Amino acid sequence: DAPAHERQQLSSWARLEFEIKRDPTRPDNQIAKACRTST
């Protein structure tokens, strides 16, 4: 029963964490595009 906004926030954070750890040398704008978020 967790609020949807909390679920969305944590989900977005987990994707970002995955992408950053997957290739920390990738430019921020490329990671943002892959995760559909902002730089």
PDB file of all heavy atoms in Angstrom:
ATOM      1  N   ASP A   1       0.810  -1.224   0.000  1.00  0.00           N
ATOM      2  CA  ASP A   1       0.000   0.000   0.000  1.00  0.00           C
ATOM      3  C   ASP A   1       0.848   1.281   0.000  1.00  0.00           C
ATOM      4  O   ASP A   1       0.343   2.364   0.305  1.00  0.00           O
ATOM      5  CB  ASP A   1      -0.958   0.002   1.185  1.00  0.00           C
ATOM      6  CG  ASP A   1      -0.250  -0.031   2.536  1.00  0.00           C
ATOM      7  OD1 ASP A   1       0.971  -0.297   2.560  1.00  0.00           O
ATOM      8  OD2 ASP A   1      -0.921   0.209   3.559  1.00  0.00           O
ATOM      9  N   ALA A   2       2.095   1.180  -0.367  1.00  0.00           N
ATOM     10  CA  ALA A   2       2.968   2.358  -0.431  1.00  0.00           C
ATOM     11  C   ALA A   2       2.426   3.338  -1.468  1.00  0.00           C
ATOM     12  O   ALA A   2       1.909   2.927  -2.503  1.00  0.00           O
ATOM     13  CB  ALA A   2       4.391   1.948  -0.787  1.00  0.00           C
ATOM     14  N   PRO A   3       2.538   4.633  -1.189  1.00  0.00           N
ATOM     15  CA  PRO A   3       2.043   5.629  -2.146  1.00  0.00           C
ATOM     16  C   PRO A   3       2.733   5.503  -3.505  1.00  0.00           C
ATOM     17  O   PRO A   3       3.921   5.200  -3.591  1.00  0.00           O
ATOM     18  CB  PRO A   3       2.393   6.970  -1.489  1.00  0.00           C
ATOM     19  CG  PRO A   3       2.672   6.663  -0.056  1.00  0.00           C
ATOM     20  CD  PRO A   3       3.123   5.236   0.011  1.00  0.00           C
ATOM     21  N   ALA A   4       1.988   5.772  -4.554  1.00  0.00           N
ATOM     22  CA  ALA A   4       2.499   5.644  -5.920  1.00  0.00           C
ATOM     23  C   ALA A   4       3.699   6.552  -6.159  1.00  0.00           C
ATOM     24  O   ALA A   4       4.661   6.151  -6.820  1.00  0.00           O
ATOM     25  CB  ALA A   4       1.396   5.943  -6.926  1.00  0.00           C
ATOM     26  N   HIS A   5       3.673   7.775  -5.615  1.00  0.00           N
ATOM     27  CA  HIS A   5       4.798   8.690  -5.841  1.00  0.00           C
ATOM     28  C   HIS A   5       6.081   8.171  -5.196  1.00  0.00           C
ATOM     29  O   HIS A   5       7.164   8.336  -5.745  1.00  0.00           O
ATOM     30  CB  HIS A   5       4.470  10.115  -5.354  1.00  0.00           C
ATOM     31  CG  HIS A   5       4.457  10.269  -3.881  1.00  0.00           C
ATOM     32  ND1 HIS A   5       3.370   9.937  -3.100  1.00  0.00           N
ATOM     33  CD2 HIS A   5       5.418  10.712  -3.026  1.00  0.00           C
ATOM     34  CE1 HIS A   5       3.653  10.163  -1.828  1.00  0.00           C
ATOM     35  NE2 HIS A   5       4.886  10.627  -1.756  1.00  0.00           N
ATOM     36  N   GLU A   6       5.952   7.524  -4.044  1.00  0.00           N
ATOM     37  CA  GLU A   6       7.127   6.951  -3.388  1.00  0.00           C
ATOM     38  C   GLU A   6       7.679   5.780  -4.213  1.00  0.00           C
ATOM     39  O   GLU A   6       8.885   5.652  -4.414  1.00  0.00           O
ATOM     40  CB  GLU A   6       6.773   6.472  -1.982  1.00  0.00           C
ATOM     41  CG  GLU A   6       7.959   5.946  -1.207  1.00  0.00           C
ATOM     42  CD  GLU A   6       7.592   5.515   0.209  1.00  0.00           C
ATOM     43  OE1 GLU A   6       6.457   5.769   0.653  1.00  0.00           O
ATOM     44  OE2 GLU A   6       8.458   4.895   0.862  1.00  0.00           O
ATOM     45  N   ARG A   7       6.781   4.957  -4.714  1.00  0.00           N
ATOM     46  CA  ARG A   7       7.168   3.819  -5.556  1.00  0.00           C
ATOM     47  C   ARG A   7       7.875   4.322  -6.819  1.00  0.00           C
ATOM     48  O   ARG A   7       8.906   3.802  -7.211  1.00  0.00           O
ATOM     49  CB  ARG A   7       5.906   3.023  -5.905  1.00  0.00           C
ATOM     50  CG  ARG A   7       6.139   1.680  -6.496  1.00  0.00           C
ATOM     51  CD  ARG A   7       4.845   0.893  -6.576  1.00  0.00           C
ATOM     52  NE  ARG A   7       4.360   0.455  -5.290  1.00  0.00           N
ATOM     53  CZ  ARG A   7       4.863  -0.557  -4.596  1.00  0.00           C
ATOM     54  NH1 ARG A   7       5.865  -1.234  -5.070  1.00  0.00           N
ATOM     55  NH2 ARG A   7       4.358  -0.897  -3.430  1.00  0.00           N
ATOM     56  N   GLN A   8       7.331   5.385  -7.433  1.00  0.00           N
ATOM     57  CA  GLN A   8       7.914   5.952  -8.645  1.00  0.00           C
ATOM     58  C   GLN A   8       9.295   6.545  -8.368  1.00  0.00           C
ATOM     59  O   GLN A   8      10.227   6.349  -9.138  1.00  0.00           O
ATOM     60  CB  GLN A   8       6.992   7.027  -9.229  1.00  0.00           C
ATOM     61  CG  GLN A   8       7.558   7.734 -10.446  1.00  0.00           C
ATOM     62  CD  GLN A   8       7.874   6.798 -11.591  1.00  0.00           C
ATOM     63  OE1 GLN A   8       7.126   5.863 -11.853  1.00  0.00           O
ATOM     64  NE2 GLN A   8       8.978   7.031 -12.271  1.00  0.00           N
ATOM     65  N   GLN A   9       9.423   7.257  -7.262  1.00  0.00           N
ATOM     66  CA  GLN A   9      10.704   7.868  -6.901  1.00  0.00           C
ATOM     67  C   GLN A   9      11.787   6.818  -6.715  1.00  0.00           C
ATOM     68  O   GLN A   9      12.889   6.947  -7.245  1.00  0.00           O
ATOM     69  CB  GLN A   9      10.555   8.661  -5.597  1.00  0.00           C
ATOM     70  CG  GLN A   9      10.623  10.127  -5.766  1.00  0.00           C
ATOM     71  CD  GLN A   9      10.477  10.838  -4.423  1.00  0.00           C
ATOM     72  OE1 GLN A   9      10.081  10.266  -3.414  1.00  0.00           O
ATOM     73  NE2 GLN A   9      10.806  12.099  -4.434  1.00  0.00           N
ATOM     74  N   LEU A  10      11.470   5.792  -5.946  1.00  0.00           N
ATOM     75  CA  LEU A  10      12.460   4.737  -5.686  1.00  0.00           C
ATOM     76  C   LEU A  10      12.786   3.949  -6.949  1.00  0.00           C
ATOM     77  O   LEU A  10      13.932   3.552  -7.168  1.00  0.00           O
ATOM     78  CB  LEU A  10      11.968   3.804  -4.585  1.00  0.00           C
ATOM     79  CG  LEU A  10      11.995   4.391  -3.179  1.00  0.00           C
ATOM     80  CD1 LEU A  10      11.378   3.421  -2.180  1.00  0.00           C
ATOM     81  CD2 LEU A  10      13.413   4.743  -2.769  1.00  0.00           C
ATOM     82  N   SER A  11      11.799   3.745  -7.782  1.00  0.00           N
ATOM     83  CA  SER A  11      12.011   3.043  -9.037  1.00  0.00           C
ATOM     84  C   SER A  11      12.957   3.841  -9.942  1.00  0.00           C
ATOM     85  O   SER A  11      13.904   3.292 -10.516  1.00  0.00           O
ATOM     86  CB  SER A  11      10.653   2.840  -9.716  1.00  0.00           C
ATOM     87  OG  SER A  11      10.802   2.292 -10.980  1.00  0.00           O
ATOM     88  N   SER A  12      12.730   5.136 -10.044  1.00  0.00           N
ATOM     89  CA  SER A  12      13.598   6.002 -10.850  1.00  0.00           C
ATOM     90  C   SER A  12      15.012   6.028 -10.293  1.00  0.00           C
ATOM     91  O   SER A  12      15.993   5.963 -11.042  1.00  0.00           O
ATOM     92  CB  SER A  12      13.037   7.426 -10.888  1.00  0.00           C
ATOM     93  OG  SER A  12      11.841   7.453 -11.595  1.00  0.00           O
ATOM     94  N   TRP A  13      15.118   6.136  -8.986  1.00  0.00           N
ATOM     95  CA  TRP A  13      16.431   6.148  -8.330  1.00  0.00           C
ATOM     96  C   TRP A  13      17.183   4.849  -8.620  1.00  0.00           C
ATOM     97  O   TRP A  13      18.360   4.860  -8.948  1.00  0.00           O
ATOM     98  CB  TRP A  13      16.275   6.365  -6.830  1.00  0.00           C
ATOM     99  CG  TRP A  13      17.489   5.952  -6.065  1.00  0.00           C
ATOM    100  CD1 TRP A  13      17.607   4.877  -5.244  1.00  0.00           C
ATOM    101  CD2 TRP A  13      18.779   6.580  -6.066  1.00  0.00           C
ATOM    102  NE1 TRP A  13      18.883   4.793  -4.740  1.00  0.00           N
ATOM    103  CE2 TRP A  13      19.618   5.823  -5.226  1.00  0.00           C
ATOM    104  CE3 TRP A  13      19.299   7.690  -6.696  1.00  0.00           C
ATOM    105  CZ2 TRP A  13      20.953   6.153  -5.007  1.00  0.00           C
ATOM    106  CZ3 TRP A  13      20.627   8.017  -6.474  1.00  0.00           C
ATOM    107  CH2 TRP A  13      21.437   7.255  -5.640  1.00  0.00           C
ATOM    108  N   ALA A  14      16.495   3.720  -8.531  1.00  0.00           N
ATOM    109  CA  ALA A  14      17.136   2.423  -8.764  1.00  0.00           C
ATOM    110  C   ALA A  14      17.632   2.298 -10.206  1.00  0.00           C
ATOM    111  O   ALA A  14      18.719   1.767 -10.449  1.00  0.00           O
ATOM    112  CB  ALA A  14      16.165   1.292  -8.435  1.00  0.00           C
ATOM    113  N   ARG A  15      16.858   2.798 -11.172  1.00  0.00           N
ATOM    114  CA  ARG A  15      17.304   2.782 -12.571  1.00  0.00           C
ATOM    115  C   ARG A  15      18.552   3.638 -12.751  1.00  0.00           C
ATOM    116  O   ARG A  15      19.491   3.246 -13.425  1.00  0.00           O
ATOM    117  CB  ARG A  15      16.200   3.309 -13.491  1.00  0.00           C
ATOM    118  CG  ARG A  15      15.267   2.279 -13.995  1.00  0.00           C
ATOM    119  CD  ARG A  15      14.368   2.830 -15.098  1.00  0.00           C
ATOM    120  NE  ARG A  15      13.116   2.114 -15.074  1.00  0.00           N
ATOM    121  CZ  ARG A  15      12.045   2.461 -14.392  1.00  0.00           C
ATOM    122  NH1 ARG A  15      12.022   3.546 -13.683  1.00  0.00           N
ATOM    123  NH2 ARG A  15      10.971   1.716 -14.422  1.00  0.00           N
ATOM    124  N   LEU A  16      18.517   4.832 -12.169  1.00  0.00           N
ATOM    125  CA  LEU A  16      19.678   5.719 -12.266  1.00  0.00           C
ATOM    126  C   LEU A  16      20.909   5.080 -11.639  1.00  0.00           C
ATOM    127  O   LEU A  16      21.998   5.103 -12.213  1.00  0.00           O
ATOM    128  CB  LEU A  16      19.393   7.057 -11.581  1.00  0.00           C
ATOM    129  CG  LEU A  16      18.623   8.072 -12.391  1.00  0.00           C
ATOM    130  CD1 LEU A  16      18.252   9.268 -11.514  1.00  0.00           C
ATOM    131  CD2 LEU A  16      19.409   8.519 -13.599  1.00  0.00           C
ATOM    132  N   GLU A  17      20.739   4.522 -10.469  1.00  0.00           N
ATOM    133  CA  GLU A  17      21.854   3.857  -9.784  1.00  0.00           C
ATOM    134  C   GLU A  17      22.415   2.737 -10.659  1.00  0.00           C
ATOM    135  O   GLU A  17      23.631   2.611 -10.815  1.00  0.00           O
ATOM    136  CB  GLU A  17      21.386   3.304  -8.444  1.00  0.00           C
ATOM    137  CG  GLU A  17      22.485   2.626  -7.669  1.00  0.00           C
ATOM    138  CD  GLU A  17      22.026   2.093  -6.313  1.00  0.00           C
ATOM    139  OE1 GLU A  17      20.811   2.025  -6.065  1.00  0.00           O
ATOM    140  OE2 GLU A  17      22.904   1.742  -5.513  1.00  0.00           O
ATOM    141  N   PHE A  18      21.536   1.943 -11.244  1.00  0.00           N
ATOM    142  CA  PHE A  18      21.967   0.854 -12.120  1.00  0.00           C
ATOM    143  C   PHE A  18      22.798   1.398 -13.282  1.00  0.00           C
ATOM    144  O   PHE A  18      23.888   0.903 -13.566  1.00  0.00           O
ATOM    145  CB  PHE A  18      20.749   0.091 -12.655  1.00  0.00           C
ATOM    146  CG  PHE A  18      21.079  -0.837 -13.788  1.00  0.00           C
ATOM    147  CD1 PHE A  18      21.649  -2.071 -13.547  1.00  0.00           C
ATOM    148  CD2 PHE A  18      20.847  -0.460 -15.103  1.00  0.00           C
ATOM    149  CE1 PHE A  18      21.987  -2.930 -14.595  1.00  0.00           C
ATOM    150  CE2 PHE A  18      21.174  -1.294 -16.159  1.00  0.00           C
ATOM    151  CZ  PHE A  18      21.738  -2.536 -15.897  1.00  0.00           C
ATOM    152  N   GLU A  19      22.280   2.427 -13.962  1.00  0.00           N
ATOM    153  CA  GLU A  19      22.968   2.974 -15.133  1.00  0.00           C
ATOM    154  C   GLU A  19      24.302   3.614 -14.771  1.00  0.00           C
ATOM    155  O   GLU A  19      25.280   3.470 -15.491  1.00  0.00           O
ATOM    156  CB  GLU A  19      22.093   3.992 -15.857  1.00  0.00           C
ATOM    157  CG  GLU A  19      21.085   3.376 -16.773  1.00  0.00           C
ATOM    158  CD  GLU A  19      21.689   2.563 -17.899  1.00  0.00           C
ATOM    159  OE1 GLU A  19      22.723   2.953 -18.496  1.00  0.00           O
ATOM    160  OE2 GLU A  19      21.118   1.516 -18.212  1.00  0.00           O
ATOM    161  N   ILE A  20      24.350   4.328 -13.663  1.00  0.00           N
ATOM    162  CA  ILE A  20      25.599   4.971 -13.253  1.00  0.00           C
ATOM    163  C   ILE A  20      26.640   3.921 -12.894  1.00  0.00           C
ATOM    164  O   ILE A  20      27.793   4.003 -13.316  1.00  0.00           O
ATOM    165  CB  ILE A  20      25.355   5.950 -12.084  1.00  0.00           C
ATOM    166  CG1 ILE A  20      24.533   7.147 -12.581  1.00  0.00           C
ATOM    167  CG2 ILE A  20      26.673   6.412 -11.467  1.00  0.00           C
ATOM    168  CD1 ILE A  20      23.971   8.021 -11.472  1.00  0.00           C
ATOM    169  N   LYS A  21      26.240   2.910 -12.158  1.00  0.00           N
ATOM    170  CA  LYS A  21      27.182   1.859 -11.782  1.00  0.00           C
ATOM    171  C   LYS A  21      27.580   0.995 -12.981  1.00  0.00           C
ATOM    172  O   LYS A  21      28.698   0.495 -13.037  1.00  0.00           O
ATOM    173  CB  LYS A  21      26.577   0.978 -10.684  1.00  0.00           C
ATOM    174  CG  LYS A  21      26.525   1.674  -9.344  1.00  0.00           C
ATOM    175  CD  LYS A  21      25.941   0.766  -8.289  1.00  0.00           C
ATOM    176  CE  LYS A  21      25.988   1.417  -6.924  1.00  0.00           C
ATOM    177  NZ  LYS A  21      25.418   0.533  -5.893  1.00  0.00           N
ATOM    178  N   ARG A  22      26.672   0.832 -13.937  1.00  0.00           N
ATOM    179  CA  ARG A  22      26.958   0.024 -15.120  1.00  0.00           C
ATOM    180  C   ARG A  22      28.095   0.631 -15.934  1.00  0.00           C
ATOM    181  O   ARG A  22      28.972  -0.082 -16.419  1.00  0.00           O
ATOM    182  CB  ARG A  22      25.698  -0.083 -15.988  1.00  0.00           C
ATOM    183  CG  ARG A  22      25.838  -0.983 -17.178  1.00  0.00           C
ATOM    184  CD  ARG A  22      24.502  -1.149 -17.877  1.00  0.00           C
ATOM    185  NE  ARG A  22      24.163  -0.025 -18.723  1.00  0.00           N
ATOM    186  CZ  ARG A  22      24.597   0.127 -19.976  1.00  0.00           C
ATOM    187  NH1 ARG A  22      25.406  -0.751 -20.512  1.00  0.00           N
ATOM    188  NH2 ARG A  22      24.227   1.169 -20.689  1.00  0.00           N
ATOM    189  N   ASP A  23      28.081   1.955 -16.059  1.00  0.00           N
ATOM    190  CA  ASP A  23      29.152   2.618 -16.792  1.00  0.00           C
ATOM    191  C   ASP A  23      29.310   4.039 -16.267  1.00  0.00           C
ATOM    192  O   ASP A  23      28.713   4.976 -16.800  1.00  0.00           O
ATOM    193  CB  ASP A  23      28.866   2.635 -18.291  1.00  0.00           C
ATOM    194  CG  ASP A  23      30.010   3.232 -19.100  1.00  0.00           C
ATOM    195  OD1 ASP A  23      31.032   3.647 -18.502  1.00  0.00           O
ATOM    196  OD2 ASP A  23      29.883   3.280 -20.344  1.00  0.00           O
ATOM    197  N   PRO A  24      30.099   4.223 -15.208  1.00  0.00           N
ATOM    198  CA  PRO A  24      30.249   5.546 -14.595  1.00  0.00           C
ATOM    199  C   PRO A  24      30.910   6.574 -15.510  1.00  0.00           C
ATOM    200  O   PRO A  24      30.824   7.768 -15.253  1.00  0.00           O
ATOM    201  CB  PRO A  24      31.105   5.295 -13.367  1.00  0.00           C
ATOM    202  CG  PRO A  24      31.491   3.878 -13.374  1.00  0.00           C
ATOM    203  CD  PRO A  24      30.828   3.193 -14.506  1.00  0.00           C
ATOM    204  N   THR A  25      31.527   6.126 -16.596  1.00  0.00           N
ATOM    205  CA  THR A  25      32.186   7.066 -17.505  1.00  0.00           C
ATOM    206  C   THR A  25      31.223   7.637 -18.549  1.00  0.00           C
ATOM    207  O   THR A  25      31.597   8.560 -19.275  1.00  0.00           O
ATOM    208  CB  THR A  25      33.361   6.391 -18.242  1.00  0.00           C
ATOM    209  OG1 THR A  25      32.856   5.343 -19.079  1.00  0.00           O
ATOM    210  CG2 THR A  25      34.371   5.833 -17.254  1.00  0.00           C
ATOM    211  N   ARG A  26      30.020   7.103 -18.625  1.00  0.00           N
ATOM    212  CA  ARG A  26      29.045   7.620 -19.596  1.00  0.00           C
ATOM    213  C   ARG A  26      28.644   9.032 -19.227  1.00  0.00           C
ATOM    214  O   ARG A  26      28.414   9.339 -18.061  1.00  0.00           O
ATOM    215  CB  ARG A  26      27.783   6.760 -19.604  1.00  0.00           C
ATOM    216  CG  ARG A  26      27.824   5.682 -20.636  1.00  0.00           C
ATOM    217  CD  ARG A  26      26.611   4.825 -20.577  1.00  0.00           C
ATOM    218  NE  ARG A  26      25.574   5.368 -21.442  1.00  0.00           N
ATOM    219  CZ  ARG A  26      24.308   5.006 -21.366  1.00  0.00           C
ATOM    220  NH1 ARG A  26      23.905   4.145 -20.465  1.00  0.00           N
ATOM    221  NH2 ARG A  26      23.425   5.509 -22.191  1.00  0.00           N
ATOM    222  N   PRO A  27      28.496   9.892 -20.213  1.00  0.00           N
ATOM    223  CA  PRO A  27      28.052  11.264 -19.936  1.00  0.00           C
ATOM    224  C   PRO A  27      26.660  11.290 -19.308  1.00  0.00           C
ATOM    225  O   PRO A  27      25.813  10.442 -19.602  1.00  0.00           O
ATOM    226  CB  PRO A  27      28.036  11.916 -21.321  1.00  0.00           C
ATOM    227  CG  PRO A  27      28.956  11.086 -22.151  1.00  0.00           C
ATOM    228  CD  PRO A  27      28.830   9.680 -21.619  1.00  0.00           C
ATOM    229  N   ASP A  28      26.449  12.273 -18.457  1.00  0.00           N
ATOM    230  CA  ASP A  28      25.179  12.398 -17.744  1.00  0.00           C
ATOM    231  C   ASP A  28      23.987  12.487 -18.684  1.00  0.00           C
ATOM    232  O   ASP A  28      22.928  11.927 -18.409  1.00  0.00           O
ATOM    233  CB  ASP A  28      25.203  13.622 -16.825  1.00  0.00           C
ATOM    234  CG  ASP A  28      26.186  13.456 -15.680  1.00  0.00           C
ATOM    235  OD1 ASP A  28      26.675  12.332 -15.453  1.00  0.00           O
ATOM    236  OD2 ASP A  28      26.462  14.466 -15.000  1.00  0.00           O
ATOM    237  N   ASN A  29      24.139  13.199 -19.805  1.00  0.00           N
ATOM    238  CA  ASN A  29      23.007  13.346 -20.713  1.00  0.00           C
ATOM    239  C   ASN A  29      22.612  12.009 -21.354  1.00  0.00           C
ATOM    240  O   ASN A  29      21.432  11.768 -21.611  1.00  0.00           O
ATOM    241  CB  ASN A  29      23.267  14.422 -21.774  1.00  0.00           C
ATOM    242  CG  ASN A  29      24.403  14.068 -22.711  1.00  0.00           C
ATOM    243  OD1 ASN A  29      25.397  13.459 -22.310  1.00  0.00           O
ATOM    244  ND2 ASN A  29      24.272  14.467 -23.957  1.00  0.00           N
ATOM    245  N   GLN A  30      23.566  11.127 -21.576  1.00  0.00           N
ATOM    246  CA  GLN A  30      23.250   9.811 -22.135  1.00  0.00           C
ATOM    247  C   GLN A  30      22.530   8.942 -21.103  1.00  0.00           C
ATOM    248  O   GLN A  30      21.601   8.221 -21.436  1.00  0.00           O
ATOM    249  CB  GLN A  30      24.518   9.111 -22.619  1.00  0.00           C
ATOM    250  CG  GLN A  30      25.079   9.719 -23.880  1.00  0.00           C
ATOM    251  CD  GLN A  30      26.308   8.971 -24.365  1.00  0.00           C
ATOM    252  OE1 GLN A  30      26.707   7.950 -23.820  1.00  0.00           O
ATOM    253  NE2 GLN A  30      26.928   9.493 -25.415  1.00  0.00           N
ATOM    254  N   ILE A  31      22.971   9.006 -19.864  1.00  0.00           N
ATOM    255  CA  ILE A  31      22.309   8.255 -18.795  1.00  0.00           C
ATOM    256  C   ILE A  31      20.898   8.786 -18.599  1.00  0.00           C
ATOM    257  O   ILE A  31      19.941   8.018 -18.452  1.00  0.00           O
ATOM    258  CB  ILE A  31      23.125   8.317 -17.487  1.00  0.00           C
ATOM    259  CG1 ILE A  31      24.430   7.534 -17.661  1.00  0.00           C
ATOM    260  CG2 ILE A  31      22.326   7.764 -16.311  1.00  0.00           C
ATOM    261  CD1 ILE A  31      25.400   7.650 -16.510  1.00  0.00           C
ATOM    262  N   ALA A  32      20.741  10.109 -18.621  1.00  0.00           N
ATOM    263  CA  ALA A  32      19.419  10.719 -18.464  1.00  0.00           C
ATOM    264  C   ALA A  32      18.474  10.236 -19.568  1.00  0.00           C
ATOM    265  O   ALA A  32      17.322   9.877 -19.298  1.00  0.00           O
ATOM    266  CB  ALA A  32      19.533  12.236 -18.475  1.00  0.00           C
ATOM    267  N   LYS A  33      18.965  10.206 -20.785  1.00  0.00           N
ATOM    268  CA  LYS A  33      18.142   9.762 -21.907  1.00  0.00           C
ATOM    269  C   LYS A  33      17.736   8.301 -21.743  1.00  0.00           C
ATOM    270  O   LYS A  33      16.588   7.939 -21.965  1.00  0.00           O
ATOM    271  CB  LYS A  33      18.911   9.965 -23.217  1.00  0.00           C
ATOM    272  CG  LYS A  33      18.090   9.712 -24.445  1.00  0.00           C
ATOM    273  CD  LYS A  33      18.889  10.067 -25.687  1.00  0.00           C
ATOM    274  CE  LYS A  33      18.059   9.847 -26.935  1.00  0.00           C
ATOM    275  NZ  LYS A  33      18.783  10.224 -28.144  1.00  0.00           N
ATOM    276  N   ALA A  34      18.679   7.466 -21.348  1.00  0.00           N
ATOM    277  CA  ALA A  34      18.396   6.036 -21.165  1.00  0.00           C
ATOM    278  C   ALA A  34      17.364   5.804 -20.061  1.00  0.00           C
ATOM    279  O   ALA A  34      16.564   4.871 -20.143  1.00  0.00           O
ATOM    280  CB  ALA A  34      19.678   5.281 -20.836  1.00  0.00           C
ATOM    281  N   CYS A  35      17.397   6.657 -19.039  1.00  0.00           N
ATOM    282  CA  CYS A  35      16.482   6.501 -17.894  1.00  0.00           C
ATOM    283  C   CYS A  35      15.243   7.383 -17.998  1.00  0.00           C
ATOM    284  O   CYS A  35      14.437   7.423 -17.074  1.00  0.00           O
ATOM    285  CB  CYS A  35      17.222   6.807 -16.598  1.00  0.00           C
ATOM    286  SG  CYS A  35      18.502   5.611 -16.216  1.00  0.00           S
ATOM    287  N   ARG A  36      15.137   8.113 -19.085  1.00  0.00           N
ATOM    288  CA  ARG A  36      14.009   9.023 -19.303  1.00  0.00           C
ATOM    289  C   ARG A  36      13.848   9.999 -18.140  1.00  0.00           C
ATOM    290  O   ARG A  36      12.775  10.138 -17.552  1.00  0.00           O
ATOM    291  CB  ARG A  36      12.718   8.243 -19.532  1.00  0.00           C
ATOM    292  CG  ARG A  36      12.769   7.380 -20.762  1.00  0.00           C
ATOM    293  CD  ARG A  36      11.452   6.664 -20.991  1.00  0.00           C
ATOM    294  NE  ARG A  36      11.657   5.595 -21.946  1.00  0.00           N
ATOM    295  CZ  ARG A  36      11.347   4.346 -21.722  1.00  0.00           C
ATOM    296  NH1 ARG A  36      10.791   3.979 -20.602  1.00  0.00           N
ATOM    297  NH2 ARG A  36      11.572   3.436 -22.633  1.00  0.00           N
ATOM    298  N   THR A  37      14.951  10.656 -17.833  1.00  0.00           N
ATOM    299  CA  THR A  37      14.951  11.644 -16.759  1.00  0.00           C
ATOM    300  C   THR A  37      15.817  12.825 -17.181  1.00  0.00           C
ATOM    301  O   THR A  37      16.272  12.895 -18.313  1.00  0.00           O
ATOM    302  CB  THR A  37      15.427  11.012 -15.426  1.00  0.00           C
ATOM    303  OG1 THR A  37      15.160  11.916 -14.363  1.00  0.00           O
ATOM    304  CG2 THR A  37      16.890  10.636 -15.450  1.00  0.00           C
ATOM    305  N   SER A  38      16.055  13.727 -16.259  1.00  0.00           N
ATOM    306  CA  SER A  38      16.836  14.925 -16.573  1.00  0.00           C
ATOM    307  C   SER A  38      18.316  14.740 -16.238  1.00  0.00           C
ATOM    308  O   SER A  38      18.675  13.930 -15.379  1.00  0.00           O
ATOM    309  CB  SER A  38      16.284  16.119 -15.799  1.00  0.00           C
ATOM    310  OG  SER A  38      16.516  15.937 -14.417  1.00  0.00           O
ATOM    311  N   THR A  39      19.138  15.547 -16.886  1.00  0.00           N
ATOM    312  CA  THR A  39      20.569  15.538 -16.593  1.00  0.00           C
ATOM    313  C   THR A  39      20.837  15.957 -15.145  1.00  0.00           C
ATOM    314  O   THR A  39      21.655  15.325 -14.476  1.00  0.00           O
ATOM    315  CB  THR A  39      21.322  16.432 -17.597  1.00  0.00           C
ATOM    316  OG1 THR A  39      21.058  15.925 -18.913  1.00  0.00           O
ATOM    317  CG2 THR A  39      22.818  16.403 -17.365  1.00  0.00           C
TER     318      THR A  39
END
